[in-house]
Amino acid sequence: MSAETTAVVEQDALSAPDAATLRKVMGHFCTGVAVIAAHDGERPLGFACQSVVSVSLDPPYISFCPAKTSTSWPLLREAGELCINILAHDQKDVCSTFAVSGGDKFATVDWSPAGNGAPALGGALARIEATVELEHDAGDHTIVLARITDLTADADGRPLLFFKGGFGGFSE
């Protein structure tokens, strides 16, 4: 690497934003909210997630990014078969339930097994069944790539949205 290139790399490292600034600025990007769920054969498992994105139509892939501190993700990874539940505008309480660690998150939530056995949440705007295929290290998170095996949506619903640290809905 040339001295000029090294200087640019060092300057970029010094000008990297701090976590608070990054969170504040990225908070201006509105996202949907989902619950990633699986069943390990004994109990349902899940966590709230806002980093869900469609990746490919052919083959059909979806991606999401659990935090490395997640205690739920290793259990869901082991199960392998997932149901990504896209929350509706009136499911903020469901999001809050799945945003915390521990406890029986499914005790107060209506759910039934999806076709792949993973929990499909009642009232969800859409459900995407998928199989975990790949993971990639990404700083304090993991990028998960899953192959979509089935999906369904409620054409009349509205999404739960996350924006600037708060929840809201979509008005037409």
N, C-alpha and C. Protein backbone atom coordinates (compact mmCIF):
# COMPACT_ATOMS: atom_id res chain seq x y z
N MET A 1 0.85 -1.16 0.00
CA MET A 1 0.00 0.00 0.00
C MET A 1 0.90 1.23 0.00
N SER A 2 0.58 2.21 -0.82
CA SER A 2 1.39 3.42 -0.90
C SER A 2 1.16 4.28 0.34
N ALA A 3 2.09 5.22 0.58
CA ALA A 3 1.96 6.14 1.71
C ALA A 3 0.69 6.97 1.57
N GLU A 4 0.34 7.35 0.33
CA GLU A 4 -0.87 8.14 0.10
C GLU A 4 -2.11 7.33 0.45
N THR A 5 -2.17 6.06 0.01
CA THR A 5 -3.30 5.19 0.31
C THR A 5 -3.41 4.97 1.82
N THR A 6 -2.29 4.73 2.49
CA THR A 6 -2.27 4.53 3.94
C THR A 6 -2.82 5.76 4.64
N ALA A 7 -2.46 6.94 4.20
CA ALA A 7 -2.95 8.18 4.81
C ALA A 7 -4.46 8.30 4.66
N VAL A 8 -5.01 7.93 3.48
CA VAL A 8 -6.45 7.98 3.27
C VAL A 8 -7.16 7.00 4.18
N VAL A 9 -6.65 5.76 4.29
CA VAL A 9 -7.24 4.75 5.17
C VAL A 9 -7.23 5.24 6.61
N GLU A 10 -6.11 5.79 7.08
CA GLU A 10 -6.02 6.29 8.45
C GLU A 10 -6.99 7.45 8.66
N GLN A 11 -7.13 8.34 7.67
CA GLN A 11 -8.04 9.47 7.80
C GLN A 11 -9.49 8.97 7.89
N ASP A 12 -9.85 7.98 7.05
CA ASP A 12 -11.20 7.42 7.09
C ASP A 12 -11.49 6.79 8.45
N ALA A 13 -10.52 6.08 9.02
CA ALA A 13 -10.71 5.45 10.33
C ALA A 13 -10.93 6.51 11.40
N LEU A 14 -10.23 7.63 11.30
CA LEU A 14 -10.37 8.69 12.29
C LEU A 14 -11.71 9.42 12.16
N SER A 15 -12.27 9.45 10.96
CA SER A 15 -13.51 10.19 10.76
C SER A 15 -14.76 9.30 10.83
N ALA A 16 -14.61 8.05 11.22
CA ALA A 16 -15.76 7.15 11.34
C ALA A 16 -16.72 7.70 12.40
N PRO A 17 -18.03 7.65 12.16
CA PRO A 17 -18.98 8.20 13.13
C PRO A 17 -19.06 7.34 14.40
N ASP A 18 -19.39 7.99 15.50
CA ASP A 18 -19.59 7.24 16.74
C ASP A 18 -20.96 6.56 16.68
N ALA A 19 -21.17 5.59 17.56
CA ALA A 19 -22.39 4.78 17.54
C ALA A 19 -23.65 5.62 17.73
N ALA A 20 -23.61 6.62 18.60
CA ALA A 20 -24.80 7.46 18.84
C ALA A 20 -25.18 8.24 17.59
N THR A 21 -24.19 8.79 16.89
CA THR A 21 -24.47 9.54 15.66
C THR A 21 -25.00 8.60 14.58
N LEU A 22 -24.39 7.44 14.46
CA LEU A 22 -24.84 6.46 13.47
C LEU A 22 -26.29 6.08 13.73
N ARG A 23 -26.63 5.78 14.99
CA ARG A 23 -28.00 5.41 15.34
C ARG A 23 -28.98 6.55 15.04
N LYS A 24 -28.58 7.78 15.37
CA LYS A 24 -29.45 8.94 15.13
C LYS A 24 -29.72 9.14 13.64
N VAL A 25 -28.67 9.11 12.84
CA VAL A 25 -28.84 9.34 11.40
C VAL A 25 -29.59 8.18 10.75
N MET A 26 -29.22 6.94 11.07
CA MET A 26 -29.89 5.80 10.46
C MET A 26 -31.34 5.68 10.93
N GLY A 27 -31.66 6.29 12.06
CA GLY A 27 -33.04 6.33 12.55
C GLY A 27 -33.98 7.08 11.61
N HIS A 28 -33.42 7.86 10.70
CA HIS A 28 -34.23 8.58 9.72
C HIS A 28 -34.70 7.67 8.59
N PHE A 29 -34.23 6.43 8.58
CA PHE A 29 -34.67 5.45 7.59
C PHE A 29 -35.78 4.62 8.21
N CYS A 30 -36.97 4.76 7.71
CA CYS A 30 -38.13 4.06 8.24
C CYS A 30 -38.06 2.58 7.85
N THR A 31 -38.29 1.69 8.82
CA THR A 31 -38.29 0.26 8.53
C THR A 31 -39.57 -0.39 9.04
N GLY A 32 -39.86 -1.54 8.50
CA GLY A 32 -40.92 -2.36 9.03
C GLY A 32 -40.40 -3.11 10.24
N VAL A 33 -41.29 -3.81 10.92
CA VAL A 33 -40.92 -4.57 12.11
C VAL A 33 -41.41 -6.00 11.94
N ALA A 34 -40.56 -6.95 12.29
CA ALA A 34 -40.90 -8.37 12.14
C ALA A 34 -40.55 -9.13 13.41
N VAL A 35 -41.16 -10.28 13.56
CA VAL A 35 -40.75 -11.25 14.57
C VAL A 35 -40.25 -12.47 13.82
N ILE A 36 -38.98 -12.79 14.06
CA ILE A 36 -38.38 -13.98 13.47
C ILE A 36 -38.66 -15.11 14.46
N ALA A 37 -39.30 -16.19 14.00
CA ALA A 37 -39.71 -17.26 14.90
C ALA A 37 -39.31 -18.63 14.38
N ALA A 38 -39.14 -19.56 15.32
CA ALA A 38 -38.84 -20.96 15.00
C ALA A 38 -39.41 -21.82 16.12
N HIS A 39 -39.43 -23.11 15.90
CA HIS A 39 -39.85 -24.07 16.93
C HIS A 39 -38.77 -25.13 17.02
N ASP A 40 -38.25 -25.37 18.21
CA ASP A 40 -37.15 -26.33 18.36
C ASP A 40 -37.62 -27.75 18.65
N GLY A 41 -38.93 -28.00 18.50
CA GLY A 41 -39.47 -29.33 18.79
C GLY A 41 -40.04 -29.42 20.19
N GLU A 42 -39.64 -28.49 21.06
CA GLU A 42 -40.15 -28.46 22.43
C GLU A 42 -40.89 -27.17 22.73
N ARG A 43 -40.44 -26.07 22.13
CA ARG A 43 -41.05 -24.78 22.45
C ARG A 43 -40.86 -23.80 21.28
N PRO A 44 -41.76 -22.79 21.20
CA PRO A 44 -41.59 -21.75 20.20
C PRO A 44 -40.53 -20.75 20.66
N LEU A 45 -39.82 -20.17 19.69
CA LEU A 45 -38.74 -19.22 19.96
C LEU A 45 -38.90 -18.03 19.04
N GLY A 46 -38.45 -16.85 19.47
CA GLY A 46 -38.54 -15.71 18.57
C GLY A 46 -37.90 -14.45 19.11
N PHE A 47 -37.67 -13.51 18.20
CA PHE A 47 -37.16 -12.19 18.57
C PHE A 47 -37.64 -11.15 17.57
N ALA A 48 -37.74 -9.90 18.04
CA ALA A 48 -38.14 -8.79 17.17
C ALA A 48 -36.95 -8.35 16.33
N CYS A 49 -37.24 -7.93 15.10
CA CYS A 49 -36.17 -7.55 14.18
C CYS A 49 -36.68 -6.49 13.21
N GLN A 50 -35.89 -5.47 12.96
CA GLN A 50 -36.28 -4.46 11.98
C GLN A 50 -35.36 -4.45 10.77
N SER A 51 -34.38 -5.34 10.76
CA SER A 51 -33.42 -5.37 9.63
C SER A 51 -33.73 -6.52 8.68
N VAL A 52 -34.96 -6.57 8.18
CA VAL A 52 -35.39 -7.61 7.26
C VAL A 52 -35.42 -7.01 5.85
N VAL A 53 -34.86 -7.75 4.89
CA VAL A 53 -34.83 -7.24 3.52
C VAL A 53 -34.94 -8.39 2.52
N SER A 54 -35.70 -8.15 1.47
CA SER A 54 -35.76 -9.09 0.36
C SER A 54 -34.44 -9.00 -0.39
N VAL A 55 -33.84 -10.14 -0.70
CA VAL A 55 -32.52 -10.15 -1.34
C VAL A 55 -32.59 -10.56 -2.80
N SER A 56 -33.33 -11.61 -3.10
CA SER A 56 -33.33 -12.16 -4.46
C SER A 56 -34.69 -12.79 -4.78
N LEU A 57 -35.11 -12.62 -6.03
CA LEU A 57 -36.34 -13.28 -6.49
C LEU A 57 -36.05 -14.68 -7.01
N ASP A 58 -34.87 -14.88 -7.60
CA ASP A 58 -34.53 -16.17 -8.18
C ASP A 58 -33.06 -16.49 -7.94
N PRO A 59 -32.75 -17.32 -6.95
CA PRO A 59 -33.68 -18.00 -6.06
C PRO A 59 -34.24 -17.02 -5.02
N PRO A 60 -35.37 -17.37 -4.40
CA PRO A 60 -36.00 -16.47 -3.44
C PRO A 60 -35.26 -16.45 -2.09
N TYR A 61 -34.61 -15.32 -1.80
CA TYR A 61 -33.86 -15.17 -0.55
C TYR A 61 -34.35 -13.95 0.22
N ILE A 62 -34.27 -14.06 1.53
CA ILE A 62 -34.54 -12.96 2.45
C ILE A 62 -33.38 -12.91 3.42
N SER A 63 -33.14 -11.72 3.97
CA SER A 63 -32.04 -11.55 4.91
C SER A 63 -32.51 -10.77 6.13
N PHE A 64 -31.85 -11.01 7.25
CA PHE A 64 -32.09 -10.24 8.48
C PHE A 64 -30.81 -10.28 9.29
N CYS A 65 -30.72 -9.41 10.28
CA CYS A 65 -29.46 -9.25 11.01
C CYS A 65 -29.66 -9.27 12.52
N PRO A 66 -29.55 -10.43 13.16
CA PRO A 66 -29.63 -10.47 14.62
C PRO A 66 -28.34 -9.96 15.27
N ALA A 67 -28.49 -9.35 16.43
CA ALA A 67 -27.33 -8.90 17.20
C ALA A 67 -26.56 -10.11 17.71
N LYS A 68 -25.26 -9.97 17.81
CA LYS A 68 -24.45 -11.07 18.33
C LYS A 68 -24.74 -11.34 19.80
N THR A 69 -25.34 -10.38 20.49
CA THR A 69 -25.70 -10.56 21.89
C THR A 69 -27.03 -11.29 22.06
N SER A 70 -27.73 -11.56 20.96
CA SER A 70 -29.02 -12.23 21.03
C SER A 70 -28.88 -13.62 21.65
N THR A 71 -29.71 -13.90 22.64
CA THR A 71 -29.74 -15.24 23.22
C THR A 71 -30.73 -16.13 22.46
N SER A 72 -31.63 -15.52 21.70
CA SER A 72 -32.62 -16.27 20.92
C SER A 72 -32.05 -16.79 19.61
N TRP A 73 -31.25 -15.97 18.91
CA TRP A 73 -30.78 -16.36 17.59
C TRP A 73 -30.07 -17.70 17.55
N PRO A 74 -29.15 -18.02 18.45
CA PRO A 74 -28.50 -19.34 18.37
C PRO A 74 -29.50 -20.50 18.42
N LEU A 75 -30.59 -20.33 19.16
CA LEU A 75 -31.61 -21.38 19.26
C LEU A 75 -32.42 -21.48 17.97
N LEU A 76 -32.73 -20.33 17.36
CA LEU A 76 -33.45 -20.34 16.09
C LEU A 76 -32.58 -20.91 14.99
N ARG A 77 -31.30 -20.54 14.98
CA ARG A 77 -30.36 -21.06 13.98
C ARG A 77 -30.35 -22.59 14.03
N GLU A 78 -30.31 -23.13 15.22
CA GLU A 78 -30.29 -24.59 15.42
C GLU A 78 -31.56 -25.23 14.85
N ALA A 79 -32.70 -24.58 15.02
CA ALA A 79 -33.97 -25.10 14.49
C ALA A 79 -33.95 -25.07 12.96
N GLY A 80 -33.42 -24.00 12.38
CA GLY A 80 -33.23 -23.91 10.92
C GLY A 80 -34.43 -23.46 10.12
N GLU A 81 -35.63 -23.86 10.50
CA GLU A 81 -36.85 -23.48 9.78
C GLU A 81 -37.47 -22.29 10.49
N LEU A 82 -37.71 -21.21 9.74
CA LEU A 82 -38.17 -19.96 10.32
C LEU A 82 -39.50 -19.51 9.75
N CYS A 83 -40.20 -18.68 10.51
CA CYS A 83 -41.33 -17.93 9.99
C CYS A 83 -41.05 -16.47 10.34
N ILE A 84 -40.92 -15.65 9.33
CA ILE A 84 -40.68 -14.22 9.51
C ILE A 84 -42.05 -13.56 9.45
N ASN A 85 -42.49 -13.07 10.61
CA ASN A 85 -43.82 -12.49 10.76
C ASN A 85 -43.71 -10.97 10.65
N ILE A 86 -44.27 -10.39 9.58
CA ILE A 86 -44.25 -8.95 9.39
C ILE A 86 -45.42 -8.38 10.19
N LEU A 87 -45.10 -7.54 11.18
CA LEU A 87 -46.12 -7.06 12.10
C LEU A 87 -47.02 -5.99 11.49
N ALA A 88 -48.29 -6.04 11.89
CA ALA A 88 -49.29 -5.07 11.46
C ALA A 88 -49.25 -3.84 12.37
N HIS A 89 -49.85 -2.76 11.92
CA HIS A 89 -49.80 -1.48 12.63
C HIS A 89 -50.29 -1.55 14.08
N ASP A 90 -51.15 -2.50 14.39
CA ASP A 90 -51.71 -2.60 15.75
C ASP A 90 -50.98 -3.64 16.62
N GLN A 91 -49.77 -4.04 16.24
CA GLN A 91 -49.04 -5.07 16.98
C GLN A 91 -47.79 -4.54 17.70
N LYS A 92 -47.83 -3.29 18.14
CA LYS A 92 -46.70 -2.73 18.88
C LYS A 92 -46.44 -3.53 20.16
N ASP A 93 -47.51 -3.98 20.82
CA ASP A 93 -47.34 -4.79 22.03
C ASP A 93 -46.65 -6.12 21.73
N VAL A 94 -46.92 -6.70 20.57
CA VAL A 94 -46.25 -7.94 20.16
C VAL A 94 -44.76 -7.66 19.97
N CYS A 95 -44.44 -6.56 19.33
CA CYS A 95 -43.04 -6.18 19.14
C CYS A 95 -42.35 -6.03 20.49
N SER A 96 -42.99 -5.34 21.42
CA SER A 96 -42.41 -5.14 22.76
C SER A 96 -42.16 -6.46 23.47
N THR A 97 -43.07 -7.40 23.32
CA THR A 97 -42.93 -8.72 23.94
C THR A 97 -41.69 -9.44 23.41
N PHE A 98 -41.47 -9.36 22.10
CA PHE A 98 -40.36 -10.08 21.48
C PHE A 98 -39.04 -9.31 21.47
N ALA A 99 -39.07 -8.06 21.95
CA ALA A 99 -37.85 -7.24 21.97
C ALA A 99 -37.02 -7.45 23.23
N VAL A 100 -37.52 -8.25 24.17
CA VAL A 100 -36.79 -8.48 25.41
C VAL A 100 -36.25 -9.91 25.46
N SER A 101 -35.21 -10.10 26.25
CA SER A 101 -34.62 -11.44 26.40
C SER A 101 -35.34 -12.23 27.47
N GLY A 102 -35.34 -13.54 27.27
CA GLY A 102 -35.86 -14.46 28.28
C GLY A 102 -37.37 -14.51 28.35
N GLY A 103 -37.85 -15.36 29.25
CA GLY A 103 -39.27 -15.52 29.46
C GLY A 103 -39.96 -16.25 28.32
N ASP A 104 -41.24 -16.55 28.52
CA ASP A 104 -42.04 -17.20 27.50
C ASP A 104 -42.72 -16.12 26.67
N LYS A 105 -42.09 -15.73 25.59
CA LYS A 105 -42.59 -14.65 24.75
C LYS A 105 -43.92 -15.02 24.08
N PHE A 106 -44.20 -16.30 23.97
CA PHE A 106 -45.41 -16.75 23.27
C PHE A 106 -46.60 -16.95 24.21
N ALA A 107 -46.43 -16.73 25.51
CA ALA A 107 -47.49 -16.98 26.49
C ALA A 107 -48.74 -16.15 26.22
N THR A 108 -48.57 -14.92 25.75
CA THR A 108 -49.72 -14.03 25.54
C THR A 108 -49.97 -13.72 24.07
N VAL A 109 -49.33 -14.47 23.18
CA VAL A 109 -49.44 -14.21 21.75
C VAL A 109 -50.15 -15.37 21.05
N ASP A 110 -51.12 -15.01 20.20
CA ASP A 110 -51.82 -16.02 19.41
C ASP A 110 -50.91 -16.47 18.27
N TRP A 111 -50.70 -17.79 18.17
CA TRP A 111 -49.87 -18.31 17.09
C TRP A 111 -50.30 -19.74 16.75
N SER A 112 -49.91 -20.16 15.57
CA SER A 112 -50.13 -21.54 15.13
C SER A 112 -48.94 -21.94 14.27
N PRO A 113 -48.71 -23.24 14.11
CA PRO A 113 -47.57 -23.66 13.28
C PRO A 113 -47.77 -23.31 11.81
N ALA A 114 -46.75 -22.72 11.22
CA ALA A 114 -46.76 -22.49 9.77
C ALA A 114 -46.53 -23.85 9.11
N GLY A 115 -46.52 -23.90 7.80
CA GLY A 115 -46.30 -25.15 7.08
C GLY A 115 -45.00 -25.83 7.43
N ASN A 116 -43.97 -25.06 7.78
CA ASN A 116 -42.67 -25.63 8.15
C ASN A 116 -42.53 -25.87 9.65
N GLY A 117 -43.61 -25.63 10.41
CA GLY A 117 -43.59 -25.87 11.86
C GLY A 117 -43.22 -24.67 12.70
N ALA A 118 -42.66 -23.63 12.09
CA ALA A 118 -42.29 -22.42 12.83
C ALA A 118 -43.55 -21.63 13.19
N PRO A 119 -43.52 -20.86 14.27
CA PRO A 119 -44.71 -20.11 14.69
C PRO A 119 -45.12 -18.99 13.73
N ALA A 120 -46.36 -19.05 13.28
CA ALA A 120 -46.98 -17.99 12.50
C ALA A 120 -47.86 -17.21 13.47
N LEU A 121 -47.58 -15.93 13.64
CA LEU A 121 -48.29 -15.12 14.62
C LEU A 121 -49.64 -14.66 14.09
N GLY A 122 -50.66 -14.77 14.94
CA GLY A 122 -51.97 -14.26 14.58
C GLY A 122 -51.92 -12.76 14.38
N GLY A 123 -52.62 -12.26 13.38
CA GLY A 123 -52.69 -10.83 13.13
C GLY A 123 -51.53 -10.25 12.37
N ALA A 124 -50.51 -11.07 12.07
CA ALA A 124 -49.36 -10.55 11.31
C ALA A 124 -49.81 -10.13 9.91
N LEU A 125 -49.19 -9.10 9.40
CA LEU A 125 -49.51 -8.58 8.08
C LEU A 125 -49.08 -9.55 6.97
N ALA A 126 -47.94 -10.21 7.19
CA ALA A 126 -47.44 -11.19 6.23
C ALA A 126 -46.61 -12.22 6.97
N ARG A 127 -46.48 -13.39 6.38
CA ARG A 127 -45.67 -14.46 6.94
C ARG A 127 -44.79 -15.04 5.84
N ILE A 128 -43.49 -15.17 6.15
CA ILE A 128 -42.54 -15.69 5.18
C ILE A 128 -41.84 -16.88 5.80
N GLU A 129 -42.08 -18.06 5.27
CA GLU A 129 -41.40 -19.26 5.75
C GLU A 129 -40.07 -19.36 5.01
N ALA A 130 -39.02 -19.71 5.76
CA ALA A 130 -37.69 -19.75 5.15
C ALA A 130 -36.79 -20.72 5.89
N THR A 131 -35.75 -21.16 5.20
CA THR A 131 -34.75 -22.06 5.75
C THR A 131 -33.41 -21.35 5.78
N VAL A 132 -32.76 -21.35 6.93
CA VAL A 132 -31.46 -20.70 7.07
C VAL A 132 -30.46 -21.38 6.15
N GLU A 133 -29.74 -20.59 5.34
CA GLU A 133 -28.72 -21.13 4.45
C GLU A 133 -27.32 -20.64 4.76
N LEU A 134 -27.16 -19.34 4.99
CA LEU A 134 -25.82 -18.77 5.18
C LEU A 134 -25.82 -17.73 6.29
N GLU A 135 -24.65 -17.54 6.89
CA GLU A 135 -24.45 -16.45 7.85
C GLU A 135 -23.12 -15.78 7.53
N HIS A 136 -23.08 -14.48 7.79
CA HIS A 136 -21.86 -13.72 7.55
C HIS A 136 -21.63 -12.79 8.73
N ASP A 137 -20.42 -12.77 9.24
CA ASP A 137 -20.06 -11.89 10.33
C ASP A 137 -20.16 -10.44 9.87
N ALA A 138 -20.77 -9.57 10.70
CA ALA A 138 -20.93 -8.16 10.33
C ALA A 138 -20.83 -7.30 11.59
N GLY A 139 -19.63 -7.15 12.13
CA GLY A 139 -19.44 -6.31 13.31
C GLY A 139 -20.17 -6.87 14.51
N ASP A 140 -21.08 -6.08 15.09
CA ASP A 140 -21.80 -6.53 16.27
C ASP A 140 -23.10 -7.27 15.93
N HIS A 141 -23.29 -7.56 14.64
CA HIS A 141 -24.45 -8.32 14.17
C HIS A 141 -23.99 -9.46 13.26
N THR A 142 -24.93 -10.31 12.90
CA THR A 142 -24.71 -11.38 11.94
C THR A 142 -25.69 -11.17 10.80
N ILE A 143 -25.24 -11.29 9.57
CA ILE A 143 -26.14 -11.22 8.42
C ILE A 143 -26.57 -12.65 8.10
N VAL A 144 -27.87 -12.90 8.15
CA VAL A 144 -28.42 -14.22 7.88
C VAL A 144 -29.11 -14.20 6.52
N LEU A 145 -28.83 -15.19 5.70
CA LEU A 145 -29.48 -15.35 4.42
C LEU A 145 -30.32 -16.63 4.51
N ALA A 146 -31.61 -16.51 4.21
CA ALA A 146 -32.50 -17.66 4.29
C ALA A 146 -33.28 -17.80 2.98
N ARG A 147 -33.47 -19.04 2.56
CA ARG A 147 -34.21 -19.33 1.33
C ARG A 147 -35.70 -19.39 1.66
N ILE A 148 -36.48 -18.60 0.93
CA ILE A 148 -37.93 -18.55 1.13
C ILE A 148 -38.55 -19.81 0.56
N THR A 149 -39.40 -20.48 1.38
CA THR A 149 -40.05 -21.71 0.95
C THR A 149 -41.56 -21.54 0.77
N ASP A 150 -42.14 -20.53 1.42
CA ASP A 150 -43.57 -20.25 1.29
C ASP A 150 -43.83 -18.86 1.88
N LEU A 151 -44.91 -18.23 1.47
CA LEU A 151 -45.23 -16.92 2.01
C LEU A 151 -46.68 -16.57 1.74
N THR A 152 -47.22 -15.67 2.58
CA THR A 152 -48.59 -15.21 2.43
C THR A 152 -48.69 -13.80 3.02
N ALA A 153 -49.67 -13.03 2.53
CA ALA A 153 -49.84 -11.66 3.03
C ALA A 153 -51.31 -11.31 3.13
N ASP A 154 -51.61 -10.37 4.05
CA ASP A 154 -52.95 -9.82 4.21
C ASP A 154 -53.00 -8.55 3.37
N ALA A 155 -53.70 -8.60 2.26
CA ALA A 155 -53.71 -7.47 1.32
C ALA A 155 -54.33 -6.21 1.91
N ASP A 156 -55.13 -6.32 2.94
CA ASP A 156 -55.83 -5.17 3.49
C ASP A 156 -55.13 -4.52 4.69
N GLY A 157 -54.06 -5.09 5.16
CA GLY A 157 -53.43 -4.59 6.37
C GLY A 157 -52.48 -3.44 6.15
N ARG A 158 -52.07 -2.82 7.27
CA ARG A 158 -51.08 -1.74 7.26
C ARG A 158 -49.92 -2.17 8.17
N PRO A 159 -48.68 -1.76 7.85
CA PRO A 159 -47.52 -2.22 8.61
C PRO A 159 -47.26 -1.42 9.89
N LEU A 160 -46.60 -2.07 10.83
CA LEU A 160 -46.02 -1.38 11.98
C LEU A 160 -44.68 -0.85 11.52
N LEU A 161 -44.44 0.43 11.73
CA LEU A 161 -43.21 1.06 11.26
C LEU A 161 -42.37 1.56 12.42
N PHE A 162 -41.06 1.56 12.23
CA PHE A 162 -40.11 2.08 13.22
C PHE A 162 -39.37 3.25 12.59
N PHE A 163 -39.40 4.42 13.28
CA PHE A 163 -38.80 5.63 12.73
C PHE A 163 -38.33 6.53 13.87
N LYS A 164 -37.08 6.94 13.83
CA LYS A 164 -36.50 7.83 14.83
C LYS A 164 -36.72 7.33 16.26
N GLY A 165 -36.58 6.03 16.46
CA GLY A 165 -36.69 5.46 17.79
C GLY A 165 -38.10 5.21 18.28
N GLY A 166 -39.10 5.44 17.44
CA GLY A 166 -40.48 5.23 17.85
C GLY A 166 -41.25 4.41 16.84
N PHE A 167 -42.46 4.02 17.22
CA PHE A 167 -43.32 3.21 16.36
C PHE A 167 -44.46 4.05 15.83
N GLY A 168 -44.94 3.66 14.66
CA GLY A 168 -46.07 4.35 14.06
C GLY A 168 -46.67 3.50 12.96
N GLY A 169 -47.55 4.10 12.20
CA GLY A 169 -48.20 3.38 11.12
C GLY A 169 -48.09 4.16 9.83
N PHE A 170 -48.72 3.67 8.83
CA PHE A 170 -48.70 4.26 7.50
C PHE A 170 -50.10 4.80 7.22
N SER A 171 -50.19 6.07 6.85
CA SER A 171 -51.50 6.60 6.47
C SER A 171 -51.50 6.92 4.98
N GLU A 172 -52.59 6.59 4.35
CA GLU A 172 -52.67 6.81 2.90
C GLU A 172 -53.16 8.19 2.59
